[in-house]
N, C-alpha and C. Protein backbone atom coordinates (compact mmCIF):
# COMPACT_ATOMS: atom_id res chain seq x y z
N UNK A 1 -241.35 -68.89 76.92
CA UNK A 1 -241.29 -67.31 77.65
C UNK A 1 -240.91 -68.13 79.22
N UNK A 2 -240.41 -67.08 79.27
CA UNK A 2 -240.02 -66.98 80.99
C UNK A 2 -240.57 -65.66 81.65
N UNK A 3 -240.47 -65.32 83.17
CA UNK A 3 -240.51 -63.94 83.67
C UNK A 3 -239.81 -63.03 83.40
N UNK A 4 -240.62 -61.67 82.77
CA UNK A 4 -240.26 -60.78 82.10
C UNK A 4 -239.89 -60.44 80.86
N UNK A 5 -239.84 -61.27 80.29
CA UNK A 5 -239.51 -61.46 78.54
C UNK A 5 -240.44 -60.40 77.98
N UNK A 6 -240.28 -59.93 77.33
CA UNK A 6 -240.88 -59.91 75.83
C UNK A 6 -241.32 -60.88 74.99
N UNK A 7 -242.74 -60.95 74.44
CA UNK A 7 -242.50 -61.62 73.23
C UNK A 7 -241.49 -61.13 72.40
N UNK A 8 -240.20 -62.30 71.73
CA UNK A 8 -240.62 -61.21 70.10
C UNK A 8 -241.58 -61.42 69.10
N UNK A 9 -241.39 -60.37 68.21
CA UNK A 9 -242.81 -60.39 67.24
C UNK A 9 -242.52 -61.28 65.73
N UNK A 10 -243.20 -62.00 66.16
CA UNK A 10 -243.76 -63.49 64.16
C UNK A 10 -243.43 -62.14 63.55
N UNK A 11 -241.84 -62.92 62.32
CA UNK A 11 -241.96 -61.41 61.01
C UNK A 11 -242.98 -62.16 60.18
N UNK A 12 -243.81 -61.06 59.80
CA UNK A 12 -245.02 -62.40 58.60
C UNK A 12 -243.73 -63.17 57.94
N UNK A 13 -244.86 -63.64 56.87
CA UNK A 13 -244.64 -64.55 56.04
C UNK A 13 -244.80 -63.79 54.45
N UNK A 14 -243.51 -64.71 53.82
CA UNK A 14 -242.56 -64.10 52.49
C UNK A 14 -243.59 -63.73 51.78
N UNK A 15 -243.87 -62.94 50.57
CA UNK A 15 -245.06 -62.45 49.76
C UNK A 15 -244.36 -63.49 48.76
N UNK A 16 -245.60 -63.62 48.15
CA UNK A 16 -245.65 -64.18 47.20
C UNK A 16 -243.78 -63.82 45.70
N UNK A 17 -244.04 -63.09 45.11
CA UNK A 17 -243.23 -62.47 44.64
C UNK A 17 -241.48 -62.53 45.75
N UNK A 18 -241.60 -61.57 46.46
CA UNK A 18 -240.17 -61.97 47.69
C UNK A 18 -239.88 -63.11 47.63
N UNK A 19 -241.00 -64.78 47.74
CA UNK A 19 -239.80 -65.89 47.62
C UNK A 19 -239.87 -66.25 46.73
N UNK A 20 -240.78 -65.92 45.27
CA UNK A 20 -240.04 -66.02 43.73
C UNK A 20 -238.84 -65.73 44.08
N UNK A 21 -238.35 -64.43 43.98
CA UNK A 21 -237.09 -63.47 44.13
C UNK A 21 -235.97 -64.34 43.95
N UNK A 22 -236.12 -65.00 46.01
CA UNK A 22 -235.36 -65.98 46.58
C UNK A 22 -234.80 -66.56 46.38
N UNK A 23 -236.19 -67.83 45.78
CA UNK A 23 -235.51 -69.05 45.04
C UNK A 23 -234.75 -68.58 43.98
N UNK A 24 -234.70 -67.49 43.15
CA UNK A 24 -234.09 -67.24 41.70
C UNK A 24 -232.78 -67.32 42.05
N UNK A 25 -232.58 -66.92 42.95
CA UNK A 25 -231.33 -66.03 43.89
C UNK A 25 -230.55 -66.98 44.00
N UNK A 26 -230.93 -67.86 44.87
CA UNK A 26 -230.67 -69.49 44.63
C UNK A 26 -230.13 -69.95 43.81
N UNK A 27 -230.59 -70.05 42.89
CA UNK A 27 -230.55 -71.36 41.62
C UNK A 27 -229.18 -70.15 40.88
N UNK A 28 -229.68 -68.77 40.73
CA UNK A 28 -228.54 -68.40 39.97
C UNK A 28 -226.59 -68.89 40.69
N UNK A 29 -226.83 -68.66 42.40
CA UNK A 29 -225.83 -69.18 42.78
C UNK A 29 -225.39 -70.40 42.59
N UNK A 30 -225.97 -71.10 42.69
CA UNK A 30 -225.45 -72.66 42.98
C UNK A 30 -225.29 -73.35 41.29
N UNK A 31 -225.92 -72.44 39.95
CA UNK A 31 -224.99 -72.36 38.67
C UNK A 31 -224.27 -71.44 38.90
N UNK A 32 -223.48 -71.06 38.92
CA UNK A 32 -222.52 -70.68 39.45
C UNK A 32 -221.81 -71.27 39.77
N UNK A 33 -221.62 -71.76 40.91
CA UNK A 33 -220.74 -72.63 41.52
C UNK A 33 -220.95 -73.55 40.72
N UNK A 34 -221.69 -74.12 39.80
CA UNK A 34 -222.60 -75.33 38.80
C UNK A 34 -220.43 -75.00 37.74
N UNK A 35 -221.19 -73.60 37.14
CA UNK A 35 -219.96 -73.47 36.01
C UNK A 35 -219.31 -73.55 36.10
N UNK A 36 -218.10 -73.25 37.23
CA UNK A 36 -216.91 -72.89 38.27
C UNK A 36 -216.68 -73.55 38.22
N UNK A 37 -217.27 -74.56 39.24
CA UNK A 37 -216.83 -76.42 38.82
C UNK A 37 -216.09 -77.12 38.23
N UNK A 38 -216.90 -77.29 37.16
CA UNK A 38 -216.89 -77.54 35.72
C UNK A 38 -215.84 -76.89 34.98
N UNK A 39 -215.13 -75.88 34.96
CA UNK A 39 -214.46 -74.98 34.91
C UNK A 39 -213.13 -75.93 35.15
N UNK A 40 -213.06 -75.96 36.38
CA UNK A 40 -212.00 -76.24 37.41
C UNK A 40 -211.47 -77.77 36.82
N UNK A 41 -212.32 -78.62 36.49
CA UNK A 41 -212.19 -79.71 36.32
C UNK A 41 -211.75 -79.89 34.81
N UNK A 42 -211.87 -79.12 34.21
CA UNK A 42 -211.53 -79.49 32.53
C UNK A 42 -209.86 -78.72 32.53
N UNK A 43 -210.48 -78.15 33.61
CA UNK A 43 -208.96 -76.75 33.64
C UNK A 43 -207.82 -78.08 34.17
N UNK A 44 -208.00 -78.27 34.71
CA UNK A 44 -207.21 -79.98 35.35
C UNK A 44 -207.04 -81.22 34.79
N UNK A 45 -207.84 -81.23 34.17
CA UNK A 45 -207.54 -82.65 32.98
C UNK A 45 -206.54 -81.67 32.25
N UNK A 46 -207.03 -80.91 32.25
CA UNK A 46 -205.25 -79.71 30.65
C UNK A 46 -204.52 -80.74 31.43
N UNK A 47 -204.67 -80.47 32.09
CA UNK A 47 -202.38 -79.87 33.47
C UNK A 47 -203.02 -78.08 33.70
N UNK A 48 -204.07 -77.84 33.19
CA UNK A 48 -203.52 -76.09 33.76
C UNK A 48 -203.33 -75.86 34.96
N UNK A 49 -203.90 -76.59 35.99
CA UNK A 49 -203.60 -76.25 37.35
C UNK A 49 -203.19 -77.68 38.13
N UNK A 50 -202.96 -76.83 38.83
CA UNK A 50 -202.92 -78.45 40.06
C UNK A 50 -202.24 -77.96 41.60
N UNK A 51 -202.08 -78.90 42.60
CA UNK A 51 -201.07 -78.74 43.85
C UNK A 51 -200.56 -77.59 43.93
N UNK A 52 -200.00 -78.11 42.94
CA UNK A 52 -198.36 -76.76 43.31
C UNK A 52 -198.30 -75.27 42.38
N UNK A 53 -198.17 -74.64 42.89
CA UNK A 53 -198.39 -72.85 42.26
C UNK A 53 -197.32 -72.25 42.08
N UNK A 54 -196.03 -73.35 41.51
CA UNK A 54 -194.78 -72.63 41.07
C UNK A 54 -194.54 -73.29 39.93
N UNK A 55 -195.19 -72.78 39.05
CA UNK A 55 -194.59 -72.90 37.39
C UNK A 55 -193.81 -73.09 37.63
N UNK A 56 -193.99 -74.67 36.70
CA UNK A 56 -192.46 -76.03 36.04
C UNK A 56 -192.20 -75.06 35.15
N UNK A 57 -190.65 -74.35 35.57
CA UNK A 57 -189.85 -75.08 34.03
C UNK A 57 -189.27 -76.01 33.61
N UNK A 58 -188.49 -75.86 32.50
CA UNK A 58 -188.42 -77.04 31.51
C UNK A 58 -186.57 -77.13 32.00
N UNK A 59 -186.03 -78.31 32.26
CA UNK A 59 -185.03 -78.03 32.74
C UNK A 59 -184.56 -79.19 32.12
N UNK A 60 -183.22 -79.17 30.68
CA UNK A 60 -182.89 -79.88 29.87
C UNK A 60 -182.24 -80.79 30.90
N UNK A 61 -181.87 -80.95 32.56
CA UNK A 61 -181.18 -82.05 32.19
C UNK A 61 -182.52 -83.01 32.48
N UNK A 62 -183.45 -82.16 33.05
CA UNK A 62 -184.62 -83.87 33.72
C UNK A 62 -185.21 -84.48 32.64
N UNK A 63 -184.99 -83.65 31.27
CA UNK A 63 -184.97 -84.90 30.14
C UNK A 63 -184.45 -85.85 30.15
N UNK A 64 -182.98 -85.75 30.24
CA UNK A 64 -181.90 -86.94 29.95
C UNK A 64 -181.74 -87.27 31.32
N UNK A 65 -182.03 -87.48 32.17
CA UNK A 65 -181.37 -87.79 33.42
C UNK A 65 -182.76 -89.10 33.50
N UNK A 66 -183.77 -88.81 32.99
CA UNK A 66 -185.00 -89.55 32.85
C UNK A 66 -185.52 -90.07 32.31
N UNK A 67 -184.57 -89.60 30.61
CA UNK A 67 -183.76 -91.00 29.00
C UNK A 67 -183.45 -91.71 29.50
N UNK A 68 -182.23 -90.95 30.13
CA UNK A 68 -181.14 -92.38 30.10
C UNK A 68 -180.11 -92.40 31.26
N UNK A 69 -181.06 -92.62 33.28
CA UNK A 69 -180.69 -92.85 34.08
C UNK A 69 -182.18 -94.16 34.42
N UNK A 70 -182.01 -95.44 34.59
CA UNK A 70 -182.50 -96.24 35.75
C UNK A 70 -182.52 -95.70 36.93
N UNK A 71 -183.29 -96.10 37.33
CA UNK A 71 -182.95 -95.51 40.17
C UNK A 71 -181.63 -96.50 39.46
N UNK A 72 -181.95 -97.83 40.41
CA UNK A 72 -180.19 -98.59 40.08
C UNK A 72 -180.66 -100.01 39.18
N UNK A 73 -179.97 -100.46 39.43
CA UNK A 73 -179.74 -101.65 38.74
C UNK A 73 -178.71 -102.31 39.53
N UNK A 74 -178.34 -103.86 39.31
CA UNK A 74 -178.27 -104.97 39.68
C UNK A 74 -176.67 -105.35 38.80
N UNK A 75 -176.16 -104.89 38.90
CA UNK A 75 -173.98 -105.81 38.82
C UNK A 75 -173.86 -106.70 39.15
N UNK A 76 -173.02 -107.83 38.65
CA UNK A 76 -172.84 -108.65 39.55
C UNK A 76 -171.04 -108.60 39.11
N UNK A 77 -170.26 -108.67 40.18
CA UNK A 77 -169.05 -108.88 39.36
C UNK A 77 -168.55 -110.50 40.01
N UNK A 78 -167.52 -111.13 39.07
CA UNK A 78 -167.38 -112.44 38.88
C UNK A 78 -165.73 -112.56 38.98
N UNK A 79 -165.15 -112.55 40.02
CA UNK A 79 -163.77 -113.29 39.86
C UNK A 79 -163.29 -114.06 39.41
N UNK A 80 -162.55 -114.34 38.89
CA UNK A 80 -161.50 -115.91 38.06
C UNK A 80 -161.76 -116.75 39.43
N UNK A 81 -161.04 -116.49 40.96
CA UNK A 81 -161.01 -117.35 42.10
C UNK A 81 -161.88 -116.75 42.95
N UNK A 82 -163.14 -116.72 43.41
CA UNK A 82 -163.85 -116.84 44.56
C UNK A 82 -165.22 -116.35 44.16
N UNK A 83 -166.19 -116.16 45.50
CA UNK A 83 -167.34 -116.15 44.95
C UNK A 83 -167.92 -114.84 43.72
N UNK A 84 -168.88 -115.17 43.41
CA UNK A 84 -169.53 -113.71 42.53
C UNK A 84 -169.92 -113.24 43.43
N UNK A 85 -170.00 -111.60 43.89
CA UNK A 85 -170.66 -110.72 44.84
C UNK A 85 -170.92 -109.06 43.69
N UNK A 86 -172.73 -109.26 44.01
CA UNK A 86 -173.96 -108.93 43.60
C UNK A 86 -173.76 -106.88 44.22
N UNK A 87 -174.11 -105.97 43.39
CA UNK A 87 -173.46 -104.99 43.74
C UNK A 87 -174.51 -103.76 43.10
N UNK A 88 -175.63 -102.77 44.14
CA UNK A 88 -176.48 -102.15 42.92
C UNK A 88 -175.59 -100.72 42.86
N UNK A 89 -176.44 -100.67 41.26
CA UNK A 89 -175.49 -99.11 41.07
C UNK A 89 -176.39 -98.51 39.92
N UNK A 90 -176.55 -96.86 40.70
CA UNK A 90 -177.07 -95.87 39.76
C UNK A 90 -176.26 -95.88 38.14
N UNK A 91 -177.71 -95.38 37.49
CA UNK A 91 -177.62 -95.15 35.99
C UNK A 91 -177.19 -94.14 35.26
N UNK A 92 -176.34 -94.17 34.71
CA UNK A 92 -175.64 -92.99 34.45
C UNK A 92 -174.90 -93.22 32.23
N UNK A 93 -175.87 -93.36 31.64
CA UNK A 93 -176.16 -93.14 30.86
C UNK A 93 -176.68 -92.13 29.12
N UNK A 94 -176.98 -90.75 30.04
CA UNK A 94 -176.22 -90.36 28.93
C UNK A 94 -174.98 -89.10 29.49
N UNK A 95 -174.80 -87.59 28.65
CA UNK A 95 -173.55 -87.40 28.76
C UNK A 95 -174.04 -87.14 29.84
N UNK A 96 -174.99 -85.93 30.29
CA UNK A 96 -175.30 -84.85 31.40
C UNK A 96 -174.78 -85.24 32.42
N UNK A 97 -175.58 -86.66 33.11
CA UNK A 97 -175.65 -87.38 33.69
C UNK A 97 -174.19 -88.26 33.79
N UNK A 98 -173.76 -89.12 33.01
CA UNK A 98 -172.22 -89.48 33.17
C UNK A 98 -171.25 -87.64 33.61
N UNK A 99 -171.34 -86.95 32.26
CA UNK A 99 -170.32 -85.52 33.57
C UNK A 99 -170.98 -85.24 34.92
N UNK A 100 -172.11 -86.10 35.91
CA UNK A 100 -172.29 -85.61 36.83
C UNK A 100 -171.56 -86.73 37.59
N UNK A 101 -172.12 -87.58 37.12
CA UNK A 101 -170.88 -89.40 38.13
C UNK A 101 -171.46 -89.25 39.64
N UNK A 102 -170.68 -89.11 40.35
CA UNK A 102 -170.71 -88.92 42.04
C UNK A 102 -170.76 -87.79 42.73
N UNK A 103 -170.32 -86.94 41.64
CA UNK A 103 -169.46 -85.61 42.22
C UNK A 103 -170.60 -85.44 43.41
N UNK A 104 -169.31 -84.37 44.38
CA UNK A 104 -170.44 -84.02 46.06
C UNK A 104 -171.24 -85.33 46.62
N UNK A 105 -170.84 -86.01 46.47
CA UNK A 105 -171.30 -87.54 47.53
C UNK A 105 -170.34 -87.05 48.47
N UNK A 106 -171.23 -87.31 49.57
CA UNK A 106 -170.54 -87.11 50.52
C UNK A 106 -170.05 -89.22 51.58
N UNK A 107 -171.47 -89.76 50.69
CA UNK A 107 -170.43 -90.85 50.89
C UNK A 107 -171.02 -91.88 49.97
N UNK A 108 -170.12 -93.06 49.46
CA UNK A 108 -170.70 -94.13 49.00
C UNK A 108 -170.97 -96.13 49.05
N UNK A 109 -172.04 -95.89 50.20
CA UNK A 109 -172.07 -96.61 50.83
C UNK A 109 -171.59 -97.86 49.93
N UNK A 110 -171.18 -99.25 51.12
CA UNK A 110 -170.54 -100.15 50.52
C UNK A 110 -171.93 -101.79 49.13
N UNK A 111 -171.46 -101.78 48.67
CA UNK A 111 -172.36 -102.95 47.58
C UNK A 111 -172.76 -101.72 46.79
N UNK A 112 -172.70 -100.27 46.40
CA UNK A 112 -173.71 -99.82 46.13
C UNK A 112 -172.39 -98.43 45.11
N UNK A 113 -173.05 -98.14 44.22
CA UNK A 113 -171.86 -96.95 42.83
C UNK A 113 -172.82 -96.47 42.38
N UNK A 114 -172.11 -97.02 40.82
CA UNK A 114 -172.70 -96.21 39.46
C UNK A 114 -172.09 -96.88 38.28
N UNK A 115 -172.67 -97.29 36.99
CA UNK A 115 -172.57 -97.69 36.26
C UNK A 115 -172.43 -96.76 34.96
N UNK A 116 -171.33 -96.24 34.33
CA UNK A 116 -171.61 -95.39 33.26
C UNK A 116 -171.95 -96.19 31.29
N UNK A 117 -172.60 -95.23 31.28
CA UNK A 117 -172.89 -97.40 29.81
C UNK A 117 -172.85 -95.87 28.67
N UNK A 118 -172.33 -96.50 27.65
CA UNK A 118 -171.67 -95.52 26.59
C UNK A 118 -172.04 -95.54 25.36
N UNK A 119 -172.47 -95.78 23.95
CA UNK A 119 -173.48 -96.23 22.72
C UNK A 119 -172.34 -97.09 22.06
N UNK A 120 -170.58 -96.82 22.34
CA UNK A 120 -170.34 -97.10 21.21
C UNK A 120 -168.90 -97.30 22.28
N UNK A 121 -167.97 -97.97 21.91
CA UNK A 121 -166.77 -98.76 22.54
C UNK A 121 -165.13 -97.32 22.70
N UNK A 122 -165.18 -96.10 24.08
CA UNK A 122 -164.85 -95.50 24.02
C UNK A 122 -163.37 -95.77 24.96
N UNK A 123 -163.26 -94.18 25.27
CA UNK A 123 -161.03 -94.98 25.99
C UNK A 123 -161.23 -93.30 26.63
N UNK A 124 -161.98 -93.40 26.94
CA UNK A 124 -162.20 -91.53 27.88
C UNK A 124 -161.34 -91.86 29.63
N UNK A 125 -160.75 -91.32 29.99
CA UNK A 125 -160.06 -91.30 30.64
C UNK A 125 -161.07 -90.52 32.69
N UNK A 126 -161.00 -90.45 33.33
CA UNK A 126 -161.88 -90.43 33.90
C UNK A 126 -160.09 -89.27 35.38
N UNK A 127 -161.63 -87.92 35.76
CA UNK A 127 -161.26 -87.65 37.36
C UNK A 127 -161.95 -87.49 38.02
N UNK A 128 -161.44 -86.81 39.03
CA UNK A 128 -162.48 -86.90 40.55
C UNK A 128 -163.04 -85.39 41.07
N UNK A 129 -162.48 -83.84 40.40
CA UNK A 129 -162.73 -83.37 40.57
C UNK A 129 -164.51 -82.73 41.09
N UNK A 130 -164.16 -82.07 42.43
CA UNK A 130 -165.07 -81.91 42.68
C UNK A 130 -166.35 -82.77 43.04
N UNK A 131 -165.04 -84.80 43.34
CA UNK A 131 -165.26 -85.65 43.89
C UNK A 131 -165.28 -85.67 45.60
N UNK A 132 -166.32 -86.33 46.33
CA UNK A 132 -165.66 -86.23 47.74
C UNK A 132 -165.05 -87.06 48.70
N UNK A 133 -164.99 -88.96 47.73
CA UNK A 133 -165.19 -89.92 48.68
C UNK A 133 -163.61 -90.59 47.65
N UNK A 134 -163.30 -90.85 47.63
CA UNK A 134 -161.82 -92.60 46.86
C UNK A 134 -162.99 -93.34 46.75
N UNK A 135 -162.51 -93.55 45.49
CA UNK A 135 -163.61 -94.54 44.45
C UNK A 135 -162.61 -95.34 43.08
N UNK A 136 -163.12 -96.57 43.50
CA UNK A 136 -162.49 -97.84 42.88
C UNK A 136 -163.38 -97.37 41.35
N UNK A 137 -162.88 -97.73 40.69
CA UNK A 137 -163.93 -97.92 38.65
C UNK A 137 -162.83 -98.76 37.83
N UNK A 138 -163.73 -99.29 37.36
CA UNK A 138 -163.46 -100.97 36.58
C UNK A 138 -163.58 -100.66 35.45
N UNK A 139 -162.89 -100.13 33.97
CA UNK A 139 -163.82 -99.71 32.54
C UNK A 139 -163.26 -101.27 31.71
N UNK A 140 -164.67 -101.79 31.78
CA UNK A 140 -165.67 -103.07 31.69
C UNK A 140 -166.16 -102.93 29.25
N UNK A 141 -165.63 -103.56 28.67
CA UNK A 141 -166.28 -104.33 27.71
C UNK A 141 -167.04 -104.18 27.58
N UNK A 142 -167.54 -105.04 25.48
CA UNK A 142 -168.71 -104.86 25.47
C UNK A 142 -169.54 -106.69 26.07
N UNK A 143 -168.35 -106.97 26.31
CA UNK A 143 -168.33 -108.70 26.45
C UNK A 143 -168.31 -108.72 28.48
N UNK A 144 -168.43 -107.44 28.88
CA UNK A 144 -168.42 -108.05 30.55
C UNK A 144 -167.01 -107.80 30.86
N UNK A 145 -166.32 -108.62 30.18
CA UNK A 145 -164.60 -108.37 30.71
C UNK A 145 -163.85 -106.77 31.15
N UNK A 146 -162.81 -107.20 32.60
CA UNK A 146 -162.61 -106.07 32.43
C UNK A 146 -161.00 -105.47 31.74
N UNK A 147 -161.22 -104.08 31.82
CA UNK A 147 -160.37 -104.14 31.02
C UNK A 147 -159.36 -103.56 32.51
N UNK A 148 -159.08 -102.59 32.71
CA UNK A 148 -158.69 -102.78 33.68
C UNK A 148 -159.37 -102.09 35.32
N UNK A 149 -158.55 -101.64 36.65
CA UNK A 149 -158.61 -100.93 37.46
C UNK A 149 -157.67 -100.43 37.60
N UNK A 150 -158.83 -98.74 38.41
CA UNK A 150 -157.98 -98.11 38.78
C UNK A 150 -158.05 -97.24 40.53
N UNK A 151 -157.74 -96.74 40.87
CA UNK A 151 -158.20 -96.00 42.41
C UNK A 151 -157.54 -94.95 42.01
N UNK A 152 -159.03 -94.00 42.42
CA UNK A 152 -159.64 -92.89 42.60
C UNK A 152 -159.32 -91.55 43.60
N UNK A 153 -158.03 -90.45 43.64
CA UNK A 153 -158.67 -90.13 45.03
C UNK A 153 -159.36 -89.17 44.51
N UNK A 154 -159.88 -88.23 45.88
CA UNK A 154 -160.73 -87.27 45.26
C UNK A 154 -159.75 -85.78 44.90
N UNK A 155 -160.34 -84.59 44.90
CA UNK A 155 -159.66 -83.87 43.93
C UNK A 155 -160.39 -82.56 44.01
N UNK A 156 -160.34 -81.88 44.97
CA UNK A 156 -161.31 -80.87 45.21
C UNK A 156 -159.97 -79.37 44.31
N UNK A 157 -159.41 -79.00 43.35
CA UNK A 157 -158.84 -78.07 42.65
C UNK A 157 -158.03 -78.36 42.29
N UNK A 158 -157.70 -77.78 40.63
CA UNK A 158 -157.14 -78.36 39.44
C UNK A 158 -155.87 -78.05 39.75
N UNK A 159 -154.01 -78.39 39.33
CA UNK A 159 -154.41 -79.47 38.23
C UNK A 159 -154.97 -80.79 38.73
N UNK A 160 -156.02 -81.51 38.68
CA UNK A 160 -156.27 -83.11 39.28
C UNK A 160 -155.96 -84.00 38.01
N UNK A 161 -155.97 -85.46 38.46
CA UNK A 161 -154.54 -86.36 38.45
C UNK A 161 -155.41 -86.76 37.14
N UNK A 162 -155.92 -87.57 36.23
CA UNK A 162 -156.87 -87.65 35.64
C UNK A 162 -156.49 -89.84 35.13
N UNK A 163 -157.36 -90.16 35.30
CA UNK A 163 -157.22 -92.06 35.67
C UNK A 163 -157.40 -92.88 33.64
N UNK A 164 -156.86 -93.11 33.17
CA UNK A 164 -157.07 -93.58 32.12
C UNK A 164 -157.50 -95.04 32.02
N UNK A 165 -158.39 -95.96 31.01
CA UNK A 165 -157.99 -97.49 30.42
C UNK A 165 -157.21 -97.84 30.04
N UNK A 166 -156.46 -98.77 30.58
CA UNK A 166 -155.96 -99.55 29.78
C UNK A 166 -155.91 -99.93 28.04
N UNK A 167 -157.02 -99.88 28.32
CA UNK A 167 -158.11 -99.73 26.08
C UNK A 167 -159.34 -99.22 26.59
N UNK A 168 -159.80 -99.94 24.92
CA UNK A 168 -160.59 -99.50 25.31
C UNK A 168 -162.16 -99.47 25.62
N UNK A 169 -163.61 -99.29 26.77
CA UNK A 169 -164.33 -100.39 26.39
C UNK A 169 -165.35 -99.25 26.77
N UNK A 170 -166.18 -100.48 27.08
CA UNK A 170 -168.33 -100.30 26.18
C UNK A 170 -168.70 -99.59 27.71
N UNK A 171 -168.13 -99.52 29.20
CA UNK A 171 -169.07 -99.66 29.76
C UNK A 171 -167.95 -98.73 30.97
N UNK A 172 -167.84 -98.35 32.46
CA UNK A 172 -167.41 -98.08 33.38
C UNK A 172 -168.11 -98.65 34.65
N UNK A 173 -167.73 -98.56 35.97
CA UNK A 173 -168.51 -98.84 36.77
C UNK A 173 -167.64 -98.61 38.34
N UNK A 174 -167.59 -97.66 38.85
CA UNK A 174 -167.31 -96.97 39.80
C UNK A 174 -167.82 -97.22 41.43
N UNK A 175 -167.28 -97.68 42.12
CA UNK A 175 -167.07 -98.39 43.82
C UNK A 175 -166.61 -97.95 45.10
N UNK A 176 -167.11 -97.63 46.00
CA UNK A 176 -166.26 -97.50 46.96
C UNK A 176 -165.06 -97.55 47.18
N UNK A 177 -163.78 -97.03 47.90
CA UNK A 177 -162.46 -97.27 47.36
C UNK A 177 -162.51 -98.92 47.84
N UNK A 178 -161.97 -98.90 46.63
CA UNK A 178 -161.05 -100.62 47.38
C UNK A 178 -161.92 -101.92 47.20
N UNK A 179 -163.02 -101.65 46.06
CA UNK A 179 -163.95 -102.76 46.17
C UNK A 179 -164.25 -103.84 45.75
N UNK A 180 -162.96 -103.47 44.51
CA UNK A 180 -163.22 -104.14 43.70
C UNK A 180 -161.87 -105.33 44.23
N UNK A 181 -160.91 -104.76 45.24
CA UNK A 181 -159.95 -105.38 45.38
C UNK A 181 -160.43 -105.80 45.99
N UNK A 182 -161.28 -106.68 47.33
CA UNK A 182 -161.81 -106.72 48.79
C UNK A 182 -162.17 -107.51 47.24
N UNK A 183 -163.37 -107.29 46.83
CA UNK A 183 -163.26 -108.18 45.94
C UNK A 183 -163.38 -109.11 45.24
N UNK A 184 -162.18 -109.26 45.02
CA UNK A 184 -160.78 -109.96 44.38
C UNK A 184 -161.25 -109.99 42.22
N UNK A 185 -161.87 -108.45 41.88
CA UNK A 185 -162.09 -108.82 40.43
C UNK A 185 -160.73 -108.03 40.38
N UNK A 186 -159.77 -108.47 38.52
CA UNK A 186 -159.35 -107.07 38.55
C UNK A 186 -158.93 -107.99 36.77
N UNK A 187 -157.84 -107.53 36.16
CA UNK A 187 -158.18 -107.12 35.26
C UNK A 187 -158.60 -109.04 35.10
N UNK A 188 -159.53 -109.34 33.37
CA UNK A 188 -159.49 -110.15 32.64
C UNK A 188 -161.06 -110.94 33.84
N UNK A 189 -161.53 -110.49 34.91
CA UNK A 189 -161.99 -110.82 35.85
C UNK A 189 -163.32 -110.38 34.91
N UNK A 190 -164.62 -110.16 34.99
CA UNK A 190 -165.85 -110.25 35.10
C UNK A 190 -167.37 -109.22 35.42
N UNK A 191 -168.02 -108.12 35.20
CA UNK A 191 -168.96 -107.23 35.76
C UNK A 191 -168.99 -107.15 35.00
N UNK A 192 -170.74 -107.68 34.70
CA UNK A 192 -171.88 -108.24 33.83
C UNK A 192 -173.26 -107.73 34.84
N UNK A 193 -174.57 -107.14 33.99
CA UNK A 193 -175.80 -106.92 35.02
C UNK A 193 -176.59 -107.63 35.20
N UNK A 194 -176.88 -108.26 35.79
CA UNK A 194 -177.25 -109.45 36.01
C UNK A 194 -178.86 -109.32 35.15
N UNK A 195 -179.17 -107.89 34.85
CA UNK A 195 -181.07 -108.39 33.58
C UNK A 195 -180.81 -107.10 32.88
N UNK A 196 -179.33 -107.44 31.85
CA UNK A 196 -179.53 -106.63 31.10
C UNK A 196 -180.47 -106.09 30.73
N UNK A 197 -182.35 -106.70 30.29
CA UNK A 197 -183.09 -106.22 29.75
C UNK A 197 -183.46 -104.51 30.08
N UNK A 198 -183.24 -104.62 31.88
CA UNK A 198 -183.54 -103.54 32.37
C UNK A 198 -182.45 -101.70 32.58
N UNK A 199 -181.14 -102.67 31.38
CA UNK A 199 -180.96 -100.71 31.40
C UNK A 199 -181.41 -99.95 30.55
N UNK A 200 -180.99 -99.02 30.23
CA UNK A 200 -181.37 -97.97 29.12
C UNK A 200 -180.08 -97.52 28.27
N UNK A 201 -181.12 -97.96 26.66
CA UNK A 201 -180.59 -97.13 26.07
C UNK A 201 -179.08 -96.63 26.26
N UNK A 202 -178.49 -97.19 25.90
CA UNK A 202 -177.18 -95.31 26.10
C UNK A 202 -177.21 -94.01 25.12
N UNK A 203 -176.76 -93.07 25.62
CA UNK A 203 -177.12 -91.92 24.40
C UNK A 203 -175.21 -91.22 24.54
C-alpha cells in the first residue's frame, strides 16, 4: 500500500447458501448453452441453418442445367486433310440450356465453344438473336460426320435469319467464327468427343 491510500476493506467470505446458489446458477447457464449447441448441430445437419441467411428458392432451370450440362468436355475436329484439333466445349443437353446457348456472351475464346446434344436426330435451324459475337456452327450426325457447316452473324432484333442444316443431325457444335474453316473441317469430316463417357444423357 502506498502512503496516503486508504486500505480497501476485504469482502466477507460467501456464506454456504450464497455459494450453492452461485454454483446452481452457473450450472443452469452451462446446461442451457449445451442444449442450444445440440439444437444448432441438429438443425445444421438437417439443412435448416447455414452460412447464408438468404432463403434458397427452387430454380427450375437449375435442375435442368445440373442434369443436362457438364462443365466442359473435349471434342476433336478431324479434317480429311490436316492435323486433328482438340477444342473444349460447354455442354447443352436439355431444352433450357440448348435454348440459352451462347447468348449474351461478350467473347468466345479460340478453341472453346458449346456442343448441343439431342436424344435423337433433329433438323432444327439455329438463329443468333441476342448473340453478341459471330459464330461458326457444325451440324453433326450420330456417327460424328459433319452434315453441314454455317457461319452465323449476331442479330439484335427480329427478324433474325435462321441457319438450317443440310440434313438431320444428332448434335451441333458452335465455335468462334471461322473456326471450322481454319481447321479444314467441312461436310463429311468428323467432329467427335474425346471421351464419350464424359457426356451427359441428353433430354
